[in-house]
Amino acid sequence: MVKFIFLHVPKTGGSSILKILEQHYGKENVLKVKREDCLEANKSGILLSSTIPKHIKAIHGHFRYAEIEDIVHRDKPILVT
């Protein structure tokens, strides 16, 4: 279950937040999502939520809210933009 999502604009402190998330949840439990991965999934008609391993607790990256909306409704994580 995803507990925290950090959706952000490039060059706005993402690396610092990523380090904090990795310290809090453990590096193995934080998924860093690249924009190009989202675009590729979108082209294939794949939902981002279907690609996230079950053990992931936090998601960090550059994506649109629409790409994580199902995760927000399902898991009710803290969402920071």
Protein backbone atom coordinates (compact mmCIF):
# COMPACT_ATOMS: atom_id res chain seq x y z
CA MET A 1 0.00 0.00 0.00
CA VAL A 2 1.34 3.39 -1.01
CA LYS A 3 1.49 5.78 1.96
CA PHE A 4 3.16 8.85 0.41
CA ILE A 5 3.33 10.38 -3.07
CA PHE A 6 5.60 13.27 -3.99
CA LEU A 7 4.58 14.73 -7.34
CA HIS A 8 6.81 17.60 -8.34
CA VAL A 9 8.08 19.93 -11.02
CA PRO A 10 11.67 19.32 -12.16
CA LYS A 11 14.37 21.29 -10.34
CA THR A 12 12.25 22.01 -7.24
CA GLY A 13 14.04 20.07 -4.51
CA GLY A 14 13.19 16.56 -5.64
CA SER A 15 16.56 15.03 -4.77
CA SER A 16 16.36 16.28 -1.19
CA ILE A 17 12.85 14.91 -0.72
CA LEU A 18 13.87 11.59 -2.31
CA LYS A 19 16.68 11.19 0.24
CA ILE A 20 14.27 11.90 3.10
CA LEU A 21 11.74 9.37 1.77
CA GLU A 22 14.46 6.73 1.40
CA GLN A 23 15.63 7.34 4.98
CA HIS A 24 12.08 7.13 6.33
CA TYR A 25 10.65 4.22 4.30
CA GLY A 26 13.88 2.46 3.24
CA LYS A 27 15.40 2.79 -0.20
CA GLU A 28 13.85 -0.49 -1.36
CA ASN A 29 10.35 0.82 -0.54
CA VAL A 30 10.55 4.07 -2.54
CA LEU A 31 9.74 4.09 -6.24
CA LYS A 32 11.32 6.86 -8.33
CA VAL A 33 9.13 7.39 -11.39
CA LYS A 34 10.68 8.99 -14.45
CA ARG A 35 8.50 11.05 -16.79
CA GLU A 36 9.51 8.98 -19.80
CA ASP A 37 8.31 5.80 -18.04
CA CYS A 38 4.88 7.37 -17.55
CA LEU A 39 4.73 8.45 -21.18
CA GLU A 40 5.65 4.95 -22.35
CA ALA A 41 3.01 3.37 -20.10
CA ASN A 42 0.42 5.85 -21.35
CA LYS A 43 1.19 4.94 -24.98
CA SER A 44 0.71 1.27 -24.11
CA GLY A 45 -2.51 1.92 -22.21
CA ILE A 46 -0.95 0.70 -18.96
CA LEU A 47 -1.90 2.30 -15.64
CA LEU A 48 1.01 3.37 -13.47
CA SER A 49 -0.65 1.63 -10.51
CA SER A 50 -0.41 -1.74 -12.28
CA THR A 51 3.39 -1.43 -12.50
CA ILE A 52 4.05 -0.67 -8.83
CA PRO A 53 5.35 -3.58 -6.73
CA LYS A 54 3.23 -4.39 -3.65
CA HIS A 55 5.99 -3.52 -1.16
CA ILE A 56 6.31 0.12 -2.34
CA LYS A 57 5.41 2.65 0.38
CA ALA A 58 6.33 5.93 -1.35
CA ILE A 59 6.33 7.20 -4.92
CA HIS A 60 8.51 10.09 -6.06
CA GLY A 61 8.63 11.64 -9.48
CA HIS A 62 7.48 13.75 -12.37
CA PHE A 63 3.99 12.70 -13.40
CA ARG A 64 0.52 14.14 -13.76
CA TYR A 65 -2.13 13.74 -11.08
CA ALA A 66 -4.31 11.87 -13.57
CA GLU A 67 -1.60 9.19 -13.77
CA ILE A 68 -1.79 8.48 -10.02
CA GLU A 69 -5.42 9.32 -9.32
CA ASP A 70 -6.41 5.66 -9.01
CA ILE A 71 -3.64 5.12 -6.44
CA VAL A 72 -4.82 8.16 -4.45
CA HIS A 73 -8.39 6.83 -4.36
CA ARG A 74 -7.31 3.26 -3.56
CA ASP A 75 -4.63 3.83 -0.89
CA LYS A 76 -5.42 7.34 0.40
CA PRO A 77 -1.72 8.31 0.67
CA ILE A 78 -0.34 11.65 1.75
CA LEU A 79 0.05 13.61 -1.49
CA VAL A 80 2.59 16.41 -1.71
CA THR A 81 3.10 18.59 -4.79
